[in-house]
C-alpha atoms as a PDB file:
ATOM      1  CA  UNK A   1     154.438  86.359  52.984  1.00  0.00           C
ATOM      2  CA  UNK A   2     156.699  88.269  55.309  1.00  0.00           C
ATOM      3  CA  UNK A   3     159.559  86.302  56.786  1.00  0.00           C
ATOM      4  CA  UNK A   4     161.984  87.252  59.487  1.00  0.00           C
ATOM      5  CA  UNK A   5     164.637  85.428  61.405  1.00  0.00           C
ATOM      6  CA  UNK A   6     166.077  86.167  64.837  1.00  0.00           C
ATOM      7  CA  UNK A   7     168.668  84.418  66.984  1.00  0.00           C
ATOM      8  CA  UNK A   8     166.896  82.222  69.536  1.00  0.00           C
ATOM      9  CA  UNK A   9     167.556  82.354  73.257  1.00  0.00           C
ATOM     10  CA  UNK A  10     169.699  79.720  74.929  1.00  0.00           C
ATOM     11  CA  UNK A  11     166.562  78.470  76.696  1.00  0.00           C
ATOM     12  CA  UNK A  12     165.541  76.807  73.444  1.00  0.00           C
ATOM     13  CA  UNK A  13     168.425  74.330  73.728  1.00  0.00           C
ATOM     14  CA  UNK A  14     168.166  70.656  74.313  1.00  0.00           C
ATOM     15  CA  UNK A  15     167.191  69.299  70.917  1.00  0.00           C
ATOM     16  CA  UNK A  16     169.599  68.565  68.125  1.00  0.00           C
ATOM     17  CA  UNK A  17     166.914  69.005  65.483  1.00  0.00           C
ATOM     18  CA  UNK A  18     164.273  71.689  65.316  1.00  0.00           C
ATOM     19  CA  UNK A  19     161.497  72.644  67.678  1.00  0.00           C
ATOM     20  CA  UNK A  20     158.388  74.288  66.349  1.00  0.00           C
ATOM     21  CA  UNK A  21     155.956  76.818  67.808  1.00  0.00           C
ATOM     22  CA  UNK A  22     152.911  78.217  66.056  1.00  0.00           C
ATOM     23  CA  UNK A  23     150.795  81.269  66.643  1.00  0.00           C
ATOM     24  CA  UNK A  24     147.768  82.458  64.755  1.00  0.00           C
ATOM     25  CA  UNK A  25     149.758  84.487  62.224  1.00  0.00           C
ATOM     26  CA  UNK A  26     153.195  82.898  62.128  1.00  0.00           C
ATOM     27  CA  UNK A  27     155.218  79.734  62.320  1.00  0.00           C
ATOM     28  CA  UNK A  28     158.540  79.674  64.106  1.00  0.00           C
ATOM     29  CA  UNK A  29     161.228  76.992  64.197  1.00  0.00           C
ATOM     30  CA  UNK A  30     164.321  76.981  66.379  1.00  0.00           C
ATOM     31  CA  UNK A  31     167.294  75.144  64.877  1.00  0.00           C
ATOM     32  CA  UNK A  32     169.799  73.976  67.471  1.00  0.00           C
ATOM     33  CA  UNK A  33     173.513  73.794  66.806  1.00  0.00           C
ATOM     34  CA  UNK A  34     174.556  72.953  70.361  1.00  0.00           C
ATOM     35  CA  UNK A  35     175.873  69.569  69.202  1.00  0.00           C
ATOM     36  CA  UNK A  36     177.860  70.915  66.224  1.00  0.00           C
ATOM     37  CA  UNK A  37     181.483  72.020  65.980  1.00  0.00           C
ATOM     38  CA  UNK A  38     181.139  75.212  63.960  1.00  0.00           C
ATOM     39  CA  UNK A  39     184.913  75.563  63.733  1.00  0.00           C
ATOM     40  CA  UNK A  40     184.786  72.768  61.133  1.00  0.00           C
ATOM     41  CA  UNK A  41     183.184  72.969  57.709  1.00  0.00           C
ATOM     42  CA  UNK A  42     181.231  69.770  58.381  1.00  0.00           C
ATOM     43  CA  UNK A  43     179.534  71.350  61.386  1.00  0.00           C
ATOM     44  CA  UNK A  44     178.701  74.477  59.423  1.00  0.00           C
ATOM     45  CA  UNK A  45     177.346  72.424  56.532  1.00  0.00           C
ATOM     46  CA  UNK A  46     175.120  70.435  58.888  1.00  0.00           C
ATOM     47  CA  UNK A  47     173.747  73.642  60.441  1.00  0.00           C
ATOM     48  CA  UNK A  48     172.955  75.021  56.999  1.00  0.00           C
ATOM     49  CA  UNK A  49     171.175  71.781  56.048  1.00  0.00           C
ATOM     50  CA  UNK A  50     169.139  71.976  59.254  1.00  0.00           C
ATOM     51  CA  UNK A  51     168.214  75.577  58.450  1.00  0.00           C
ATOM     52  CA  UNK A  52     167.122  74.487  54.969  1.00  0.00           C
ATOM     53  CA  UNK A  53     164.831  71.867  56.506  1.00  0.00           C
ATOM     54  CA  UNK A  54     163.449  74.455  58.941  1.00  0.00           C
ATOM     55  CA  UNK A  55     162.713  76.774  56.025  1.00  0.00           C
ATOM     56  CA  UNK A  56     160.865  73.873  54.385  1.00  0.00           C
ATOM     57  CA  UNK A  57     158.735  73.705  57.555  1.00  0.00           C
ATOM     58  CA  UNK A  58     157.881  77.417  57.830  1.00  0.00           C
ATOM     59  CA  UNK A  59     157.392  78.249  54.158  1.00  0.00           C
ATOM     60  CA  UNK A  60     154.553  76.889  52.032  1.00  0.00           C
ATOM     61  CA  UNK A  61     155.083  73.699  50.086  1.00  0.00           C
ATOM     62  CA  UNK A  62     156.251  74.023  46.497  1.00  0.00           C
ATOM     63  CA  UNK A  63     153.196  74.711  44.343  1.00  0.00           C
ATOM     64  CA  UNK A  64     152.576  73.385  40.872  1.00  0.00           C
ATOM     65  CA  UNK A  65     154.301  75.395  38.105  1.00  0.00           C
ATOM     66  CA  UNK A  66     150.888  76.552  36.884  1.00  0.00           C
ATOM     67  CA  UNK A  67     150.095  78.171  40.273  1.00  0.00           C
ATOM     68  CA  UNK A  68     151.930  81.419  39.602  1.00  0.00           C
ATOM     69  CA  UNK A  69     150.703  83.447  42.588  1.00  0.00           C
ATOM     70  CA  UNK A  70     151.519  80.619  45.000  1.00  0.00           C
ATOM     71  CA  UNK A  71     154.916  80.146  43.347  1.00  0.00           C
ATOM     72  CA  UNK A  72     155.709  83.830  43.897  1.00  0.00           C
ATOM     73  CA  UNK A  73     154.865  83.559  47.634  1.00  0.00           C
ATOM     74  CA  UNK A  74     156.845  80.315  47.900  1.00  0.00           C
ATOM     75  CA  UNK A  75     159.964  81.848  46.361  1.00  0.00           C
ATOM     76  CA  UNK A  76     159.658  85.072  48.365  1.00  0.00           C
ATOM     77  CA  UNK A  77     159.313  83.153  51.622  1.00  0.00           C
ATOM     78  CA  UNK A  78     162.382  81.017  50.947  1.00  0.00           C
ATOM     79  CA  UNK A  79     164.448  83.959  49.729  1.00  0.00           C
ATOM     80  CA  UNK A  80     163.637  86.113  52.745  1.00  0.00           C
ATOM     81  CA  UNK A  81     164.159  83.232  55.172  1.00  0.00           C
ATOM     82  CA  UNK A  82     167.579  82.398  53.723  1.00  0.00           C
ATOM     83  CA  UNK A  83     168.532  86.074  53.712  1.00  0.00           C
ATOM     84  CA  UNK A  84     167.765  86.361  57.415  1.00  0.00           C
ATOM     85  CA  UNK A  85     169.481  83.068  58.185  1.00  0.00           C
ATOM     86  CA  UNK A  86     172.638  84.158  56.366  1.00  0.00           C
ATOM     87  CA  UNK A  87     172.769  87.298  58.492  1.00  0.00           C
ATOM     88  CA  UNK A  88     172.546  85.189  61.642  1.00  0.00           C
ATOM     89  CA  UNK A  89     175.143  82.742  60.346  1.00  0.00           C
ATOM     90  CA  UNK A  90     177.585  85.596  59.683  1.00  0.00           C
ATOM     91  CA  UNK A  91     177.265  86.646  63.312  1.00  0.00           C
ATOM     92  CA  UNK A  92     177.500  83.074  64.600  1.00  0.00           C
ATOM     93  CA  UNK A  93     180.466  82.165  62.406  1.00  0.00           C
ATOM     94  CA  UNK A  94     182.172  85.390  63.410  1.00  0.00           C
ATOM     95  CA  UNK A  95     182.244  83.937  66.967  1.00  0.00           C
ATOM     96  CA  UNK A  96     180.417  86.911  68.407  1.00  0.00           C
ATOM     97  CA  UNK A  97     177.434  84.864  69.542  1.00  0.00           C
ATOM     98  CA  UNK A  98     178.678  81.324  70.053  1.00  0.00           C
ATOM     99  CA  UNK A  99     177.061  81.377  73.504  1.00  0.00           C
ATOM    100  CA  UNK A 100     173.762  81.229  71.650  1.00  0.00           C
ATOM    101  CA  UNK A 101     173.152  77.781  70.297  1.00  0.00           C
ATOM    102  CA  UNK A 102     170.088  78.024  68.085  1.00  0.00           C
ATOM    103  CA  UNK A 103     168.914  79.878  65.004  1.00  0.00           C
ATOM    104  CA  UNK A 104     165.246  80.879  64.827  1.00  0.00           C
ATOM    105  CA  UNK A 105     163.450  80.630  61.498  1.00  0.00           C
ATOM    106  CA  UNK A 106     160.052  82.351  61.379  1.00  0.00           C
ATOM    107  CA  UNK A 107     157.474  83.064  58.708  1.00  0.00           C
ATOM    108  CA  UNK A 108     154.256  85.011  58.924  1.00  0.00           C
ATOM    109  CA  UNK A 109     151.354  83.302  57.267  1.00  0.00           C
ATOM    110  CA  UNK A 110     148.780  85.020  55.084  1.00  0.00           C
END
């Protein structure tokens, strides 16, 4: 499962939670942080929790331990999604893109 993450456009604002869009081959979730104060650790922690929940939405559910192939896809999806999110967070926390107010979490489905 190939996962990528890109910063969402400001047009996706308005919700404090996540909005979801689906296409035939991928699932995409925009995670808003418009209501958070990212200068404080509490705001950053809340954004990271929201991203974790968005990753839960775009990646497959945790398979049984005996389902090895599914477990591999599950772990790869989460790892790649978090990797992309961390890159976006570095930019956001570095104050270079605070005008943006959402993080986009996307995953391509099999």
